[in-house]
Protein backbone atom coordinates (compact mmCIF):
# COMPACT_ATOMS: atom_id res chain seq x y z
CA MET A 1 0.00 0.00 0.00
CA LYS A 2 2.82 2.41 0.88
CA LYS A 3 4.62 1.60 -2.36
CA LEU A 4 1.50 2.25 -4.37
CA LEU A 5 1.00 5.59 -2.67
CA LEU A 6 4.64 6.53 -3.25
CA ILE A 7 4.46 5.58 -6.92
CA THR A 8 1.29 7.61 -7.47
CA LEU A 9 2.85 10.61 -5.77
CA LEU A 10 5.97 10.35 -7.91
CA LEU A 11 3.97 9.93 -11.11
CA SER A 12 1.64 12.81 -10.33
CA SER A 13 4.53 15.11 -9.52
CA TYR A 14 6.27 14.01 -12.70
CA LEU A 15 3.18 14.64 -14.83
CA PHE A 16 2.34 18.00 -13.30
CA GLY A 17 5.85 19.38 -13.55
CA ALA A 18 6.82 19.57 -9.90
CA MET A 19 9.85 17.43 -9.15
CA ASN A 20 11.23 16.50 -5.78
CA VAL A 21 14.95 17.02 -6.36
CA GLN A 22 15.79 15.19 -3.13
CA THR A 23 14.26 11.89 -4.32
CA ALA A 24 14.42 12.15 -8.13
CA SER A 25 16.33 9.42 -9.92
CA LYS A 26 19.20 10.10 -12.29
CA SER A 27 16.99 9.46 -15.33
CA GLU A 28 14.32 11.84 -13.98
CA LEU A 29 16.92 14.53 -13.44
CA MET A 30 18.32 13.98 -16.92
CA GLY A 31 14.80 14.52 -18.29
CA ILE A 32 14.98 18.19 -17.30
CA ALA A 33 16.28 20.58 -19.96
CA GLY A 34 19.90 21.50 -19.29
CA ILE A 35 20.70 18.52 -17.07
CA GLY A 36 22.84 15.83 -18.58
CA GLU A 37 24.57 12.85 -17.07
CA LYS A 38 27.34 14.83 -15.36
CA LYS A 39 25.01 17.38 -13.80
CA ALA A 40 22.62 14.66 -12.65
CA ASP A 41 25.59 12.89 -11.01
CA ALA A 42 26.65 16.16 -9.39
CA ILE A 43 23.14 16.68 -7.98
CA ILE A 44 23.01 13.13 -6.62
CA LYS A 45 26.48 13.49 -5.10
CA TYR A 46 25.53 16.82 -3.50
CA ARG A 47 22.26 15.56 -2.03
CA LYS A 48 24.03 12.63 -0.36
CA LYS A 49 25.81 15.16 1.87
CA HIS A 50 23.21 17.96 1.93
CA ARG A 51 19.44 17.97 2.10
CA LEU A 52 17.73 19.68 -0.82
CA LYS A 53 14.57 21.32 0.48
CA SER A 54 13.63 22.98 -2.79
CA ALA A 55 14.88 23.50 -6.33
CA ASP A 56 16.50 26.75 -5.17
CA ASP A 57 19.01 24.72 -3.14
CA LEU A 58 20.46 23.43 -6.42
CA ILE A 59 22.33 26.73 -6.80
CA ASN A 60 24.96 25.26 -4.47
CA VAL A 61 25.64 22.37 -6.86
CA PRO A 62 28.60 23.10 -9.16
CA GLY A 63 27.48 23.63 -12.75
CA ILE A 64 23.86 24.41 -11.92
CA GLY A 65 22.62 27.90 -12.69
CA GLU A 66 19.42 29.90 -12.52
CA ASN A 67 18.10 28.66 -15.88
CA ILE A 68 18.29 25.03 -14.84
CA ILE A 69 16.67 25.81 -11.48
CA ASN A 70 13.81 27.53 -13.33
CA ASN A 71 13.49 24.50 -15.61
CA VAL A 72 13.26 22.21 -12.57
CA LYS A 73 10.65 24.44 -10.93
CA LYS A 74 8.50 24.59 -14.04
CA GLY A 75 9.07 21.00 -15.08
CA VAL A 76 10.61 21.90 -18.44
CA LYS A 77 11.48 18.61 -20.12
CA SER A 78 13.13 19.71 -23.37
CA LYS A 79 15.20 22.52 -24.82
CA ASN A 80 12.31 23.53 -27.10
CA GLN A 81 10.00 23.82 -24.12
CA ALA A 82 12.62 25.90 -22.30
CA LYS A 83 12.89 28.26 -25.29
CA GLN A 84 9.11 28.63 -25.40
CA MET A 85 9.04 29.47 -21.70
CA ASN A 86 11.71 32.12 -22.22
CA LYS A 87 9.84 33.62 -25.20
CA LYS A 88 6.66 33.92 -23.18
CA GLY A 89 8.60 36.04 -20.70
CA SER A 90 8.26 33.89 -17.63
CA LYS A 91 8.61 35.68 -14.31
CA GLY A 92 11.79 33.77 -13.46
CA GLY A 93 13.43 34.90 -16.67
CA MET A 94 12.48 38.49 -15.99
CA LYS A 95 13.93 38.29 -12.50
CA ASN A 96 17.16 36.89 -13.90
CA LYS A 97 17.43 39.67 -16.47
CA ALA A 98 16.69 42.30 -13.86
CA SER A 99 19.25 40.86 -11.46
CA GLN A 100 21.80 40.63 -14.26
CA LYS A 101 21.23 44.29 -15.09
CA LYS A 102 21.66 45.21 -11.43
CA GLN A 103 24.90 43.25 -11.25
CA GLN A 104 26.17 44.92 -14.42
CA LYS A 105 25.37 48.34 -12.97
CA LYS A 106 27.19 47.47 -9.75
CA GLN A 107 30.22 46.34 -11.72
CA GLN A 108 30.18 49.51 -13.79
CA MET A 109 29.99 51.62 -10.63
CA LYS A 110 32.94 49.74 -9.13
CA GLN A 111 34.97 50.27 -12.30
CA GLN A 112 34.13 53.98 -12.32
CA LYS A 113 35.18 54.28 -8.68
CA LYS A 114 38.47 52.54 -9.46
CA LYS A 115 39.08 54.84 -12.41
CA SER A 116 38.31 57.97 -10.42
CA SER A 117 40.53 56.89 -7.53
CA ALA A 118 43.33 56.11 -10.00
CA LYS A 119 42.90 59.58 -11.53
CA LYS A 120 43.07 61.17 -8.08
CA GLN A 121 46.24 59.26 -7.28
CA ASN A 122 47.78 60.35 -10.60
CA LYS A 123 46.90 63.98 -9.87
CA LYS A 124 48.52 63.73 -6.43
CA MET A 125 51.63 62.18 -7.92
CA ASN A 126 51.80 64.85 -10.61
CA LYS A 127 51.44 67.60 -8.01
CA LYS A 128 54.24 66.08 -5.94
CA LYS A 129 56.47 65.82 -8.99
CA ALA A 130 55.73 69.40 -9.95
CA GLN A 131 56.54 70.60 -6.43
CA LYS A 132 59.83 68.70 -6.43
CA GLN A 133 60.73 70.14 -9.82
CA LYS A 134 59.99 73.66 -8.62
CA GLN A 135 62.11 73.16 -5.52
CA SER A 136 65.02 71.79 -7.51
CA MET A 137 64.74 74.67 -9.99
CA LYS A 138 64.84 77.18 -7.13
CA LYS A 139 67.93 75.50 -5.71
CA ASN A 140 69.59 75.53 -9.11
CA THR A 141 68.81 79.20 -9.69
CA LYS A 142 70.21 80.08 -6.24
CA LYS A 143 73.38 78.15 -7.00
CA MET A 144 73.73 79.84 -10.36
CA LYS A 145 73.24 83.29 -8.82
CA LYS A 146 75.89 82.54 -6.21
CA ALA A 147 78.25 81.28 -8.87
CA SER A 148 77.68 84.34 -11.06
CA LYS A 149 78.25 86.67 -8.05
CA LYS A 150 81.54 84.93 -7.29
CA LYS A 151 82.64 85.31 -10.90
CA SER A 152 81.69 88.96 -10.96
CA LYS A 153 83.59 89.57 -7.69
CA LYS A 154 86.67 87.83 -9.07
CA GLN A 155 86.49 89.87 -12.24
CA THR A 156 86.12 93.13 -10.31
CA LYS A 157 89.09 92.26 -8.11
CA LYS A 158 91.26 91.57 -11.16
CA LYS A 159 90.52 94.97 -12.61
């Protein structure tokens, strides 16, 4: 009786798209778009050590990304079905695009901050160099004045 109940639960979840990633077999996992033999093995290996409470926990499995997680959630069985879901503008796809745009903006902001800080450092260095050059020029002009005074004194003494 328990086996019959378990089988009906598995079949109903398989037919209606919801998949229990904790109990799914390798062949069931491979039926999802984007999951091949290696990724199915990685999921099985991961769930031996960690409990998968939902499809979102798959993000911790190496090689599994947001698209595959969305396919698992929606029960997408083929690449064509996955493409159709993306064309329809599923909410998950929109969230991914929005989060990608946010990440891109953050990266651009970081790059701009790095550039501006580099520019500031260059300006400081250039100011320091200019100050050193001015100081050395002043010293040189003082030395030259002293030298010219000595020469003029020597010449006046000779006369």
